[in-house]
Amino acid sequence: MYKVHFENRFILISPEPDRLQKYGLFHKFYDTKELYRIISEFQENPTVQAINIYGPNIKHIWKIFRIYFTEVGAAGGLVKHTSGRYLFIEKKGKLDLPKGHMEPGEEASVCAIREVQEECGIEGHKIVKPLLPSYHTYTWEGISYLKKTNWFLMEYNGEMVNEPQVKEGITRVEWLLPEEISKIKGSAWLSLMDLINESIFNPHLPYNV
């Protein structure tokens, strides 16, 4: 399955109807024109919280879905301190994980290490393993973008820096234990909570890389 976030709404692409979840609408894939109409209407109608588009050839649907957008790449890190606490930041009024756009020719892992350092002011963090990527869309100057963020689990044993990097737009830094993470649900993006649930609380692989 592929889950694409439109801020705190989403479109799920699956081979069969995902009736275990609650969706505003279900659409069986028929052709490209119909798919693009569904995407456009979803972008323009914020009252619909979720759509499930399904069809047996999910790779084909995903390929066509992506062509609708201009694609950009990003990378970031879920940093776990040796104390068992995880690093979170607040940016634009929302709790999030450190991440940023990849430079031309830059490897995702290199970008993730760099962005964590720049946004959180820590050094010596190391990648443990890649996590599932997340996808979200945004519109800038009339162009619809699809951003793929490559995530990595990182380990860190240095000082738990709490000073926000204001020049990076960071307004708060928190180091949370797993049992404390529930308190951020009301102030975090839905895509972040999906990543946390998949990586910390329920580390299976329900979505495609």
Protein backbone atom coordinates (compact mmCIF):
# COMPACT_ATOMS: atom_id res chain seq x y z
CA MET A 1 0.00 0.00 0.00
CA TYR A 2 0.99 3.63 -0.49
CA LYS A 3 -0.23 6.41 1.79
CA VAL A 4 0.09 10.02 0.62
CA HIS A 5 -0.58 12.86 3.05
CA PHE A 6 -2.26 16.12 2.11
CA GLU A 7 -1.41 17.93 5.37
CA ASN A 8 -3.56 15.94 7.86
CA ARG A 9 -5.66 14.24 5.19
CA PHE A 10 -4.55 11.37 3.00
CA ILE A 11 -5.10 9.15 -0.01
CA LEU A 12 -4.37 5.44 0.42
CA ILE A 13 -3.60 3.30 -2.63
CA SER A 14 -4.20 -0.40 -2.06
CA PRO A 15 -4.83 -3.58 -4.10
CA GLU A 16 -8.18 -4.20 -2.39
CA PRO A 17 -10.63 -1.92 -0.53
CA ASP A 18 -9.20 -1.28 2.93
CA ARG A 19 -12.49 -1.69 4.79
CA LEU A 20 -10.79 -2.11 8.17
CA GLN A 21 -10.24 1.65 8.21
CA LYS A 22 -12.69 4.53 7.94
CA TYR A 23 -12.49 6.47 4.69
CA GLY A 24 -14.61 9.22 3.27
CA LEU A 25 -14.68 7.63 -0.18
CA PHE A 26 -13.64 4.44 -2.00
CA HIS A 27 -12.67 4.55 -5.68
CA LYS A 28 -11.74 1.62 -7.89
CA PHE A 29 -9.06 2.60 -10.41
CA TYR A 30 -10.29 2.71 -14.00
CA ASP A 31 -8.10 5.08 -16.01
CA THR A 32 -5.66 7.95 -15.73
CA LYS A 33 -8.15 10.72 -16.46
CA GLU A 34 -10.49 9.55 -13.69
CA LEU A 35 -7.61 9.21 -11.22
CA TYR A 36 -6.42 12.75 -11.89
CA ARG A 37 -9.97 14.06 -11.45
CA ILE A 38 -10.16 12.36 -8.05
CA ILE A 39 -6.82 13.85 -6.96
CA SER A 40 -7.78 17.35 -8.12
CA GLU A 41 -11.14 17.26 -6.37
CA PHE A 42 -9.54 15.95 -3.18
CA GLN A 43 -7.04 18.82 -3.22
CA GLU A 44 -9.85 21.34 -3.55
CA ASN A 45 -12.24 19.82 -1.01
CA PRO A 46 -10.79 19.82 2.54
CA THR A 47 -14.00 18.36 3.99
CA VAL A 48 -13.06 14.90 2.69
CA GLN A 49 -10.58 13.47 5.18
CA ALA A 50 -9.46 10.33 3.34
CA ILE A 51 -9.87 8.43 0.10
CA ASN A 52 -9.01 4.82 -0.68
CA ILE A 53 -8.09 4.22 -4.33
CA TYR A 54 -7.75 0.52 -5.08
CA GLY A 55 -6.96 -1.83 -7.94
CA PRO A 56 -5.06 -5.10 -8.47
CA ASN A 57 -2.08 -3.51 -10.27
CA ILE A 58 -0.96 -1.23 -7.46
CA LYS A 59 2.46 -0.53 -9.01
CA HIS A 60 0.77 0.80 -12.13
CA ILE A 61 -1.61 3.01 -10.13
CA TRP A 62 1.28 4.38 -8.08
CA LYS A 63 3.30 5.18 -11.19
CA ILE A 64 0.41 7.13 -12.74
CA PHE A 65 -0.38 8.84 -9.42
CA ARG A 66 3.19 10.15 -9.17
CA ILE A 67 3.17 11.56 -12.71
CA TYR A 68 0.43 13.98 -11.62
CA PHE A 69 2.95 15.71 -9.35
CA THR A 70 6.42 17.24 -9.51
CA GLU A 71 8.54 14.98 -7.31
CA VAL A 72 11.07 16.19 -4.73
CA GLY A 73 13.26 14.26 -2.30
CA ALA A 74 13.98 14.80 1.38
CA ALA A 75 15.50 12.88 4.27
CA GLY A 76 15.39 12.95 8.04
CA GLY A 77 16.03 11.04 11.22
CA LEU A 78 14.30 9.40 14.15
CA VAL A 79 17.05 9.84 16.73
CA LYS A 80 17.14 7.49 19.73
CA HIS A 81 19.38 8.45 22.64
CA THR A 82 21.08 5.72 24.67
CA SER A 83 18.78 6.77 27.53
CA GLY A 84 15.83 5.48 25.49
CA ARG A 85 14.49 8.95 24.67
CA TYR A 86 13.62 10.10 21.14
CA LEU A 87 14.37 13.52 19.67
CA PHE A 88 11.49 15.74 18.51
CA ILE A 89 11.37 19.35 17.33
CA GLU A 90 8.64 21.94 16.94
CA LYS A 91 8.49 23.76 13.62
CA LYS A 92 5.71 25.97 12.27
CA GLY A 93 3.68 25.20 15.37
CA LYS A 94 3.78 21.42 14.87
CA LEU A 95 5.90 18.76 16.54
CA ASP A 96 7.97 16.94 13.96
CA LEU A 97 11.24 15.13 13.30
CA PRO A 98 14.30 16.85 11.84
CA LYS A 99 14.36 16.58 8.05
CA GLY A 100 15.10 18.60 4.92
CA HIS A 101 15.41 18.62 1.15
CA MET A 102 18.16 16.63 -0.50
CA GLU A 103 20.79 18.57 -2.42
CA PRO A 104 21.37 17.61 -6.09
CA GLY A 105 23.30 14.34 -6.18
CA GLU A 106 23.18 13.94 -2.39
CA GLU A 107 22.58 10.51 -0.90
CA ALA A 108 19.53 10.24 1.34
CA SER A 109 21.57 8.96 4.29
CA VAL A 110 24.03 11.85 4.02
CA CYS A 111 21.18 14.35 3.83
CA ALA A 112 19.51 12.83 6.90
CA ILE A 113 22.67 13.09 9.03
CA ARG A 114 23.25 16.67 7.86
CA GLU A 115 19.69 17.82 8.49
CA VAL A 116 19.61 16.38 12.02
CA GLN A 117 22.87 18.16 12.80
CA GLU A 118 21.71 21.48 11.33
CA GLU A 119 18.25 21.47 12.89
CA CYS A 120 19.12 20.02 16.32
CA GLY A 121 22.72 21.06 16.95
CA ILE A 122 23.97 17.56 17.76
CA GLU A 123 26.96 15.62 16.41
CA GLY A 124 28.03 12.00 16.49
CA HIS A 125 24.62 10.51 15.61
CA LYS A 126 24.82 7.39 13.48
CA ILE A 127 22.36 5.58 11.24
CA VAL A 128 21.13 2.23 12.54
CA LYS A 129 18.79 1.33 9.68
CA PRO A 130 16.46 2.87 7.09
CA LEU A 131 12.78 3.24 7.96
CA LEU A 132 9.78 3.34 5.68
CA PRO A 133 9.57 6.57 3.67
CA SER A 134 6.65 8.95 3.98
CA TYR A 135 4.89 10.87 1.21
CA HIS A 136 3.10 14.18 1.37
CA THR A 137 1.98 16.83 -1.07
CA TYR A 138 1.99 20.61 -1.15
CA THR A 139 1.31 23.31 -3.70
CA TRP A 140 3.73 26.15 -4.41
CA GLU A 141 3.15 28.83 -7.05
CA GLY A 142 0.45 26.73 -8.68
CA ILE A 143 2.57 23.58 -8.92
CA SER A 144 1.59 20.40 -7.03
CA TYR A 145 4.57 18.66 -5.45
CA LEU A 146 4.92 15.14 -4.10
CA LYS A 147 7.67 14.92 -1.50
CA LYS A 148 9.20 11.57 -0.58
CA THR A 149 10.99 11.75 2.77
CA ASN A 150 13.53 9.00 3.37
CA TRP A 151 13.66 8.24 7.10
CA PHE A 152 16.45 6.65 9.12
CA LEU A 153 16.61 5.37 12.67
CA MET A 154 19.68 6.88 14.33
CA GLU A 155 21.53 6.26 17.59
CA TYR A 156 23.10 9.00 19.68
CA ASN A 157 24.95 8.99 23.00
CA GLY A 158 25.92 12.65 23.37
CA GLU A 159 24.37 15.56 25.20
CA MET A 160 20.59 15.85 24.90
CA VAL A 161 20.61 19.40 23.52
CA ASN A 162 17.42 21.33 24.30
CA GLU A 163 18.34 24.67 22.73
CA PRO A 164 16.25 25.18 19.57
CA GLN A 165 18.07 26.19 16.39
CA VAL A 166 16.04 29.36 15.78
CA LYS A 167 17.83 30.11 12.52
CA GLU A 168 16.45 26.79 11.20
CA GLY A 169 12.92 27.74 12.22
CA ILE A 170 12.94 25.42 15.25
CA THR A 171 10.99 26.74 18.25
CA ARG A 172 11.28 23.78 20.65
CA VAL A 173 13.31 20.61 21.21
CA GLU A 174 12.09 17.65 23.27
CA TRP A 175 13.54 14.26 24.18
CA LEU A 176 10.65 11.89 24.90
CA LEU A 177 10.40 8.38 26.28
CA PRO A 178 8.09 6.04 24.31
CA GLU A 179 5.42 6.26 27.02
CA GLU A 180 5.51 10.06 26.77
CA ILE A 181 4.99 10.18 23.01
CA SER A 182 1.21 9.88 23.30
CA LYS A 183 1.08 13.47 24.55
CA ILE A 184 2.22 14.82 21.18
CA LYS A 185 -0.65 13.31 19.17
CA GLY A 186 -2.66 16.51 19.26
CA SER A 187 0.25 18.64 18.09
CA ALA A 188 1.89 16.45 15.45
CA TRP A 189 1.28 15.74 11.79
CA LEU A 190 -0.65 12.57 11.00
CA SER A 191 2.29 11.41 8.88
CA LEU A 192 4.58 11.70 11.92
CA MET A 193 2.26 9.59 14.06
CA ASP A 194 2.17 6.96 11.30
CA LEU A 195 5.96 6.85 11.26
CA ILE A 196 6.13 6.58 15.06
CA ASN A 197 3.54 3.80 15.17
CA GLU A 198 5.31 1.85 12.43
CA SER A 199 8.84 2.36 13.77
CA ILE A 200 8.46 2.36 17.56
CA PHE A 201 5.19 0.75 18.58
CA ASN A 202 4.36 -1.57 15.70
CA PRO A 203 7.45 -2.09 13.53
CA HIS A 204 5.92 -4.01 10.62
CA LEU A 205 5.96 -3.09 6.94
CA PRO A 206 2.40 -2.22 5.80
CA TYR A 207 3.49 0.29 3.17
CA ASN A 208 5.79 0.07 0.20
CA VAL A 209 9.23 1.64 0.00
